[in-house]
């Protein structure tokens, strides 16, 4: 997907339509960082004034106090802070390192924050694509998350529109006729991870178009990626 470096105010949907002309039944997977840039969610660390709590945490974790101040400003709560790692739950409900704040592929001294509402961002991009080219592909906004019990990072959906994020197989039958009782496939996350395999982190390519999954694309925008967040009452580790 050949696209320019994004700036605040860019119309992502129109740029995608011009560059890739996605069609009905396709899924556009786009990086969080590009969306954050277009939405003005970039901060210069030199402009941040760390508070006392941020300075204390930064000293203990050996992190930049300005980064920690931004992490705290985006966090609903701190989940874990030890051994140089700061895990938070963001105001949007995502549990991730550093409230999703990222320093890679940016000018030195700048960071990106997550979109304020990834699902709203995905809906706006989808509507803009439809206005520009007449097609309404699904849109997934993806970001790299670590995992508590596995090494390595995987791209997951932090926003989506036009895609049912979960495919519930409970009540169906397996190959031997047994009833499935627990299988719920995270379609949006799997689309995000699949798209990530098609590009390199240093390639400057912000997204990909997935074809062949038209049975998963819906006319309505749907419940969004936040619907995959496990309710607190069902969370055995919170």
C-alpha atoms as a PDB file:
ATOM      1  CA  UNK A   1       0.000   0.000   0.000  1.00  0.00           C
ATOM      2  CA  UNK A   2       2.005   2.993  -1.277  1.00  0.00           C
ATOM      3  CA  UNK A   3       1.177   5.980   0.936  1.00  0.00           C
ATOM      4  CA  UNK A   4       3.050   9.095   2.069  1.00  0.00           C
ATOM      5  CA  UNK A   5       4.210   9.890   5.588  1.00  0.00           C
ATOM      6  CA  UNK A   6       1.081  10.906   7.477  1.00  0.00           C
ATOM      7  CA  UNK A   7       0.557  14.347   8.980  1.00  0.00           C
ATOM      8  CA  UNK A   8      -2.071  15.714  11.333  1.00  0.00           C
ATOM      9  CA  UNK A   9      -5.345  16.306   9.513  1.00  0.00           C
ATOM     10  CA  UNK A  10      -4.731  13.846   6.674  1.00  0.00           C
ATOM     11  CA  UNK A  11      -7.832  12.061   5.375  1.00  0.00           C
ATOM     12  CA  UNK A  12      -6.690   8.459   5.751  1.00  0.00           C
ATOM     13  CA  UNK A  13      -9.718   6.934   4.074  1.00  0.00           C
ATOM     14  CA  UNK A  14      -9.356   9.033   0.926  1.00  0.00           C
ATOM     15  CA  UNK A  15      -5.613   8.327   0.747  1.00  0.00           C
ATOM     16  CA  UNK A  16      -6.276   4.591   1.085  1.00  0.00           C
ATOM     17  CA  UNK A  17      -8.947   4.748  -1.612  1.00  0.00           C
ATOM     18  CA  UNK A  18      -6.563   6.541  -3.985  1.00  0.00           C
ATOM     19  CA  UNK A  19      -3.638   4.199  -3.284  1.00  0.00           C
ATOM     20  CA  UNK A  20      -5.323   0.798  -3.095  1.00  0.00           C
ATOM     21  CA  UNK A  21      -8.946   1.159  -4.262  1.00  0.00           C
ATOM     22  CA  UNK A  22     -10.182  -1.536  -1.847  1.00  0.00           C
ATOM     23  CA  UNK A  23     -13.387  -3.301  -2.862  1.00  0.00           C
ATOM     24  CA  UNK A  24     -16.451  -4.685  -1.177  1.00  0.00           C
ATOM     25  CA  UNK A  25     -15.701  -7.721   0.949  1.00  0.00           C
ATOM     26  CA  UNK A  26     -12.078  -6.774   1.512  1.00  0.00           C
ATOM     27  CA  UNK A  27     -10.448  -5.854   4.814  1.00  0.00           C
ATOM     28  CA  UNK A  28      -8.137  -2.861   5.124  1.00  0.00           C
ATOM     29  CA  UNK A  29      -5.713  -3.294   8.034  1.00  0.00           C
ATOM     30  CA  UNK A  30      -3.973  -0.085   9.014  1.00  0.00           C
ATOM     31  CA  UNK A  31      -1.296   0.667  11.604  1.00  0.00           C
ATOM     32  CA  UNK A  32      -2.161   2.513  14.777  1.00  0.00           C
ATOM     33  CA  UNK A  33       0.832   4.787  14.381  1.00  0.00           C
ATOM     34  CA  UNK A  34      -0.348   6.158  11.032  1.00  0.00           C
ATOM     35  CA  UNK A  35      -3.809   6.802  12.486  1.00  0.00           C
ATOM     36  CA  UNK A  36      -2.331   8.483  15.555  1.00  0.00           C
ATOM     37  CA  UNK A  37      -0.225  10.788  13.365  1.00  0.00           C
ATOM     38  CA  UNK A  38      -3.238  11.794  11.274  1.00  0.00           C
ATOM     39  CA  UNK A  39      -5.287  12.425  14.426  1.00  0.00           C
ATOM     40  CA  UNK A  40      -2.639  14.613  16.037  1.00  0.00           C
ATOM     41  CA  UNK A  41      -1.720  12.110  18.729  1.00  0.00           C
ATOM     42  CA  UNK A  42       2.016  12.884  18.514  1.00  0.00           C
ATOM     43  CA  UNK A  43       3.809  14.496  21.454  1.00  0.00           C
ATOM     44  CA  UNK A  44       7.255  16.057  21.799  1.00  0.00           C
ATOM     45  CA  UNK A  45       8.923  14.874  24.995  1.00  0.00           C
ATOM     46  CA  UNK A  46      10.590  18.268  25.433  1.00  0.00           C
ATOM     47  CA  UNK A  47       7.124  19.770  25.958  1.00  0.00           C
ATOM     48  CA  UNK A  48       6.168  17.334  28.758  1.00  0.00           C
ATOM     49  CA  UNK A  49       6.612  18.342  32.409  1.00  0.00           C
ATOM     50  CA  UNK A  50       6.812  15.176  34.543  1.00  0.00           C
ATOM     51  CA  UNK A  51       5.072  15.209  37.899  1.00  0.00           C
ATOM     52  CA  UNK A  52       6.356  13.757  41.141  1.00  0.00           C
ATOM     53  CA  UNK A  53       4.737  10.358  40.592  1.00  0.00           C
ATOM     54  CA  UNK A  54       6.182  10.084  37.086  1.00  0.00           C
ATOM     55  CA  UNK A  55       9.667  11.018  38.302  1.00  0.00           C
ATOM     56  CA  UNK A  56       9.534   8.417  41.081  1.00  0.00           C
ATOM     57  CA  UNK A  57       8.363   5.649  38.750  1.00  0.00           C
ATOM     58  CA  UNK A  58      10.886   6.640  36.098  1.00  0.00           C
ATOM     59  CA  UNK A  59      13.760   6.443  38.566  1.00  0.00           C
ATOM     60  CA  UNK A  60      12.640   3.045  39.815  1.00  0.00           C
ATOM     61  CA  UNK A  61      12.094   1.607  36.339  1.00  0.00           C
ATOM     62  CA  UNK A  62      14.979   3.458  34.639  1.00  0.00           C
ATOM     63  CA  UNK A  63      12.675   5.135  32.132  1.00  0.00           C
ATOM     64  CA  UNK A  64      12.402   8.642  30.707  1.00  0.00           C
ATOM     65  CA  UNK A  65      10.289  10.706  33.167  1.00  0.00           C
ATOM     66  CA  UNK A  66       8.558  12.493  30.274  1.00  0.00           C
ATOM     67  CA  UNK A  67       7.503   9.172  28.749  1.00  0.00           C
ATOM     68  CA  UNK A  68       6.234   7.951  32.123  1.00  0.00           C
ATOM     69  CA  UNK A  69       4.212  11.157  32.575  1.00  0.00           C
ATOM     70  CA  UNK A  70       2.502  10.521  29.241  1.00  0.00           C
ATOM     71  CA  UNK A  71       1.940   6.872  30.139  1.00  0.00           C
ATOM     72  CA  UNK A  72       0.216   7.900  33.364  1.00  0.00           C
ATOM     73  CA  UNK A  73      -1.885  10.520  31.575  1.00  0.00           C
ATOM     74  CA  UNK A  74      -3.242   7.813  29.239  1.00  0.00           C
ATOM     75  CA  UNK A  75      -3.747   5.161  31.942  1.00  0.00           C
ATOM     76  CA  UNK A  76      -6.800   4.204  33.927  1.00  0.00           C
ATOM     77  CA  UNK A  77      -4.604   2.206  36.283  1.00  0.00           C
ATOM     78  CA  UNK A  78      -1.161   0.648  36.607  1.00  0.00           C
ATOM     79  CA  UNK A  79      -1.303  -3.133  36.283  1.00  0.00           C
ATOM     80  CA  UNK A  80       2.392  -3.896  36.923  1.00  0.00           C
ATOM     81  CA  UNK A  81       5.504  -1.798  37.407  1.00  0.00           C
ATOM     82  CA  UNK A  82       8.701  -3.747  37.998  1.00  0.00           C
ATOM     83  CA  UNK A  83      11.938  -4.901  36.351  1.00  0.00           C
ATOM     84  CA  UNK A  84      11.896  -1.983  33.947  1.00  0.00           C
ATOM     85  CA  UNK A  85       8.389  -2.779  32.678  1.00  0.00           C
ATOM     86  CA  UNK A  86       5.323  -0.575  33.056  1.00  0.00           C
ATOM     87  CA  UNK A  87       2.032  -2.282  32.172  1.00  0.00           C
ATOM     88  CA  UNK A  88      -1.136  -0.203  32.311  1.00  0.00           C
ATOM     89  CA  UNK A  89      -4.810  -0.379  31.495  1.00  0.00           C
ATOM     90  CA  UNK A  90      -5.601   2.533  29.208  1.00  0.00           C
ATOM     91  CA  UNK A  91      -8.701   4.682  29.448  1.00  0.00           C
ATOM     92  CA  UNK A  92      -9.993   2.720  26.443  1.00  0.00           C
ATOM     93  CA  UNK A  93      -9.591  -0.548  28.340  1.00  0.00           C
ATOM     94  CA  UNK A  94      -6.472  -1.967  26.639  1.00  0.00           C
ATOM     95  CA  UNK A  95      -3.919  -3.658  28.900  1.00  0.00           C
ATOM     96  CA  UNK A  96      -0.510  -3.059  27.355  1.00  0.00           C
ATOM     97  CA  UNK A  97       3.013  -1.787  27.914  1.00  0.00           C
ATOM     98  CA  UNK A  98       3.415   1.957  28.443  1.00  0.00           C
ATOM     99  CA  UNK A  99      -0.253   2.726  27.640  1.00  0.00           C
ATOM    100  CA  UNK A 100       0.561   1.890  24.019  1.00  0.00           C
ATOM    101  CA  UNK A 101       2.947   4.852  23.711  1.00  0.00           C
ATOM    102  CA  UNK A 102       5.507   4.235  20.974  1.00  0.00           C
ATOM    103  CA  UNK A 103       8.827   5.841  20.060  1.00  0.00           C
ATOM    104  CA  UNK A 104       9.781   3.832  16.952  1.00  0.00           C
ATOM    105  CA  UNK A 105       9.779   5.242  13.402  1.00  0.00           C
ATOM    106  CA  UNK A 106       9.419   8.803  14.664  1.00  0.00           C
ATOM    107  CA  UNK A 107      11.584  11.881  14.803  1.00  0.00           C
ATOM    108  CA  UNK A 108      13.932  11.739  17.781  1.00  0.00           C
ATOM    109  CA  UNK A 109      12.240  13.105  20.883  1.00  0.00           C
ATOM    110  CA  UNK A 110       8.679  12.400  19.718  1.00  0.00           C
ATOM    111  CA  UNK A 111       6.196   9.673  20.657  1.00  0.00           C
ATOM    112  CA  UNK A 112       2.733   8.606  19.517  1.00  0.00           C
ATOM    113  CA  UNK A 113      -0.241   7.988  21.780  1.00  0.00           C
ATOM    114  CA  UNK A 114      -2.959   5.504  20.901  1.00  0.00           C
ATOM    115  CA  UNK A 115      -6.045   6.924  19.147  1.00  0.00           C
ATOM    116  CA  UNK A 116      -8.526   8.153  21.735  1.00  0.00           C
ATOM    117  CA  UNK A 117     -11.134   5.736  20.373  1.00  0.00           C
ATOM    118  CA  UNK A 118      -9.884   3.186  17.848  1.00  0.00           C
ATOM    119  CA  UNK A 119     -13.380   2.036  16.880  1.00  0.00           C
ATOM    120  CA  UNK A 120     -14.496   5.588  16.101  1.00  0.00           C
ATOM    121  CA  UNK A 121     -11.335   6.044  14.044  1.00  0.00           C
ATOM    122  CA  UNK A 122     -12.050   2.859  12.079  1.00  0.00           C
ATOM    123  CA  UNK A 123     -15.628   3.974  11.391  1.00  0.00           C
ATOM    124  CA  UNK A 124     -14.480   7.371  10.132  1.00  0.00           C
ATOM    125  CA  UNK A 125     -11.889   5.779   7.838  1.00  0.00           C
ATOM    126  CA  UNK A 126     -14.442   3.319   6.487  1.00  0.00           C
ATOM    127  CA  UNK A 127     -16.921   6.094   5.775  1.00  0.00           C
ATOM    128  CA  UNK A 128     -14.226   8.139   4.055  1.00  0.00           C
ATOM    129  CA  UNK A 129     -13.217   5.188   1.853  1.00  0.00           C
ATOM    130  CA  UNK A 130     -16.846   4.660   0.887  1.00  0.00           C
ATOM    131  CA  UNK A 131     -17.268   8.327   0.014  1.00  0.00           C
ATOM    132  CA  UNK A 132     -14.091   8.318  -2.071  1.00  0.00           C
ATOM    133  CA  UNK A 133     -14.516   5.107  -4.063  1.00  0.00           C
ATOM    134  CA  UNK A 134     -18.027   3.790  -3.399  1.00  0.00           C
ATOM    135  CA  UNK A 135     -16.915   0.568  -1.682  1.00  0.00           C
ATOM    136  CA  UNK A 136     -17.211  -0.174   2.050  1.00  0.00           C
ATOM    137  CA  UNK A 137     -14.435  -2.594   3.000  1.00  0.00           C
ATOM    138  CA  UNK A 138     -13.969  -3.520   6.614  1.00  0.00           C
ATOM    139  CA  UNK A 139     -11.319  -1.505   8.459  1.00  0.00           C
ATOM    140  CA  UNK A 140      -9.054  -2.791  11.213  1.00  0.00           C
ATOM    141  CA  UNK A 141      -6.631  -0.580  13.153  1.00  0.00           C
ATOM    142  CA  UNK A 142      -3.756  -2.717  14.415  1.00  0.00           C
ATOM    143  CA  UNK A 143      -1.073  -2.312  17.062  1.00  0.00           C
ATOM    144  CA  UNK A 144       1.681  -4.576  18.379  1.00  0.00           C
ATOM    145  CA  UNK A 145       1.005  -6.025  21.828  1.00  0.00           C
ATOM    146  CA  UNK A 146       3.128  -8.280  23.985  1.00  0.00           C
ATOM    147  CA  UNK A 147       1.622 -11.330  25.654  1.00  0.00           C
ATOM    148  CA  UNK A 148       1.825 -12.369  29.286  1.00  0.00           C
ATOM    149  CA  UNK A 149       2.793 -15.997  28.740  1.00  0.00           C
ATOM    150  CA  UNK A 150       4.551 -15.963  25.363  1.00  0.00           C
ATOM    151  CA  UNK A 151       7.623 -14.251  23.947  1.00  0.00           C
ATOM    152  CA  UNK A 152       7.347 -11.860  21.023  1.00  0.00           C
ATOM    153  CA  UNK A 153       4.782  -9.312  19.946  1.00  0.00           C
ATOM    154  CA  UNK A 154       1.682  -9.831  17.790  1.00  0.00           C
ATOM    155  CA  UNK A 155      -0.450  -7.251  16.025  1.00  0.00           C
ATOM    156  CA  UNK A 156      -3.990  -7.085  17.420  1.00  0.00           C
ATOM    157  CA  UNK A 157      -7.032  -4.971  16.618  1.00  0.00           C
ATOM    158  CA  UNK A 158      -7.546  -1.837  18.723  1.00  0.00           C
ATOM    159  CA  UNK A 159     -10.290  -0.614  16.396  1.00  0.00           C
ATOM    160  CA  UNK A 160     -12.483  -2.110  13.689  1.00  0.00           C
ATOM    161  CA  UNK A 161     -15.536  -1.350  11.585  1.00  0.00           C
ATOM    162  CA  UNK A 162     -17.466  -3.540   9.168  1.00  0.00           C
ATOM    163  CA  UNK A 163     -16.193  -6.723  10.743  1.00  0.00           C
ATOM    164  CA  UNK A 164     -17.639  -8.898  13.490  1.00  0.00           C
ATOM    165  CA  UNK A 165     -14.533  -9.037  15.720  1.00  0.00           C
ATOM    166  CA  UNK A 166     -15.487 -12.396  17.216  1.00  0.00           C
ATOM    167  CA  UNK A 167     -16.733 -15.479  15.364  1.00  0.00           C
ATOM    168  CA  UNK A 168     -18.649 -17.552  17.902  1.00  0.00           C
ATOM    169  CA  UNK A 169     -18.555 -21.280  17.093  1.00  0.00           C
ATOM    170  CA  UNK A 170     -20.189 -22.417  20.331  1.00  0.00           C
ATOM    171  CA  UNK A 171     -23.048 -24.772  19.628  1.00  0.00           C
ATOM    172  CA  UNK A 172     -21.599 -25.918  16.303  1.00  0.00           C
ATOM    173  CA  UNK A 173     -20.232 -29.403  15.728  1.00  0.00           C
ATOM    174  CA  UNK A 174     -16.621 -30.443  15.303  1.00  0.00           C
ATOM    175  CA  UNK A 175     -15.366 -32.989  12.737  1.00  0.00           C
ATOM    176  CA  UNK A 176     -16.471 -35.867  14.982  1.00  0.00           C
ATOM    177  CA  UNK A 177     -19.909 -34.492  15.778  1.00  0.00           C
ATOM    178  CA  UNK A 178     -19.038 -33.165  19.218  1.00  0.00           C
ATOM    179  CA  UNK A 179     -20.597 -29.885  20.247  1.00  0.00           C
ATOM    180  CA  UNK A 180     -18.181 -26.970  20.579  1.00  0.00           C
ATOM    181  CA  UNK A 181     -18.590 -25.228  23.919  1.00  0.00           C
ATOM    182  CA  UNK A 182     -15.687 -22.759  24.156  1.00  0.00           C
ATOM    183  CA  UNK A 183     -14.493 -21.850  20.641  1.00  0.00           C
ATOM    184  CA  UNK A 184     -14.775 -18.134  19.896  1.00  0.00           C
ATOM    185  CA  UNK A 185     -12.350 -17.021  17.164  1.00  0.00           C
ATOM    186  CA  UNK A 186     -10.888 -13.525  17.444  1.00  0.00           C
ATOM    187  CA  UNK A 187     -11.295 -12.619  13.769  1.00  0.00           C
ATOM    188  CA  UNK A 188     -10.189  -8.984  14.058  1.00  0.00           C
ATOM    189  CA  UNK A 189      -6.985  -9.920  15.892  1.00  0.00           C
ATOM    190  CA  UNK A 190      -6.183 -12.659  13.388  1.00  0.00           C
ATOM    191  CA  UNK A 191      -6.691 -10.229  10.491  1.00  0.00           C
ATOM    192  CA  UNK A 192      -4.342  -7.753  12.168  1.00  0.00           C
ATOM    193  CA  UNK A 193      -1.680 -10.417  12.709  1.00  0.00           C
ATOM    194  CA  UNK A 194      -1.983 -11.767   9.162  1.00  0.00           C
ATOM    195  CA  UNK A 195      -1.562  -8.302   7.655  1.00  0.00           C
ATOM    196  CA  UNK A 196       1.534  -7.666   9.774  1.00  0.00           C
ATOM    197  CA  UNK A 197       3.277 -10.631   8.133  1.00  0.00           C
ATOM    198  CA  UNK A 198       3.010  -8.883   4.755  1.00  0.00           C
ATOM    199  CA  UNK A 199       5.172  -5.898   5.723  1.00  0.00           C
ATOM    200  CA  UNK A 200       8.422  -5.110   7.536  1.00  0.00           C
ATOM    201  CA  UNK A 201       8.559  -2.777  10.527  1.00  0.00           C
ATOM    202  CA  UNK A 202      11.103  -0.559   8.754  1.00  0.00           C
ATOM    203  CA  UNK A 203       9.425  -0.582   5.343  1.00  0.00           C
ATOM    204  CA  UNK A 204       7.280   2.511   5.858  1.00  0.00           C
ATOM    205  CA  UNK A 205       4.227   0.553   4.665  1.00  0.00           C
ATOM    206  CA  UNK A 206       1.357   1.417   7.030  1.00  0.00           C
ATOM    207  CA  UNK A 207      -1.169  -1.225   6.043  1.00  0.00           C
ATOM    208  CA  UNK A 208      -2.396  -4.027   3.852  1.00  0.00           C
ATOM    209  CA  UNK A 209      -5.577  -5.190   2.134  1.00  0.00           C
ATOM    210  CA  UNK A 210      -6.815  -8.708   2.889  1.00  0.00           C
ATOM    211  CA  UNK A 211      -8.922 -10.485   0.292  1.00  0.00           C
ATOM    212  CA  UNK A 212     -10.930 -13.695   0.418  1.00  0.00           C
ATOM    213  CA  UNK A 213     -12.652 -13.083   3.751  1.00  0.00           C
ATOM    214  CA  UNK A 214     -15.759 -11.381   2.389  1.00  0.00           C
ATOM    215  CA  UNK A 215     -17.990 -13.682   4.453  1.00  0.00           C
ATOM    216  CA  UNK A 216     -16.700 -11.880   7.538  1.00  0.00           C
ATOM    217  CA  UNK A 217     -17.352  -8.336   6.276  1.00  0.00           C
ATOM    218  CA  UNK A 218     -20.636  -6.739   7.348  1.00  0.00           C
ATOM    219  CA  UNK A 219     -22.653  -3.816   5.930  1.00  0.00           C
ATOM    220  CA  UNK A 220     -23.004  -2.295   9.396  1.00  0.00           C
ATOM    221  CA  UNK A 221     -19.948  -1.070  11.308  1.00  0.00           C
ATOM    222  CA  UNK A 222     -20.606  -3.518  14.154  1.00  0.00           C
ATOM    223  CA  UNK A 223     -19.601  -3.482  17.825  1.00  0.00           C
ATOM    224  CA  UNK A 224     -15.937  -2.643  17.283  1.00  0.00           C
ATOM    225  CA  UNK A 225     -12.739  -3.998  18.771  1.00  0.00           C
ATOM    226  CA  UNK A 226     -13.589  -2.972  22.321  1.00  0.00           C
ATOM    227  CA  UNK A 227     -16.112  -5.801  22.371  1.00  0.00           C
ATOM    228  CA  UNK A 228     -13.207  -8.276  22.611  1.00  0.00           C
ATOM    229  CA  UNK A 229     -12.131  -6.905  25.987  1.00  0.00           C
ATOM    230  CA  UNK A 230     -12.846  -9.451  28.681  1.00  0.00           C
ATOM    231  CA  UNK A 231     -15.345  -8.135  31.265  1.00  0.00           C
ATOM    232  CA  UNK A 232     -13.789  -7.591  34.683  1.00  0.00           C
ATOM    233  CA  UNK A 233     -16.162 -10.099  36.282  1.00  0.00           C
ATOM    234  CA  UNK A 234     -14.800 -12.817  33.946  1.00  0.00           C
ATOM    235  CA  UNK A 235     -11.134 -11.864  34.299  1.00  0.00           C
ATOM    236  CA  UNK A 236      -9.318 -14.370  36.530  1.00  0.00           C
ATOM    237  CA  UNK A 237      -6.079 -12.319  36.547  1.00  0.00           C
ATOM    238  CA  UNK A 238      -7.290  -8.805  37.320  1.00  0.00           C
END
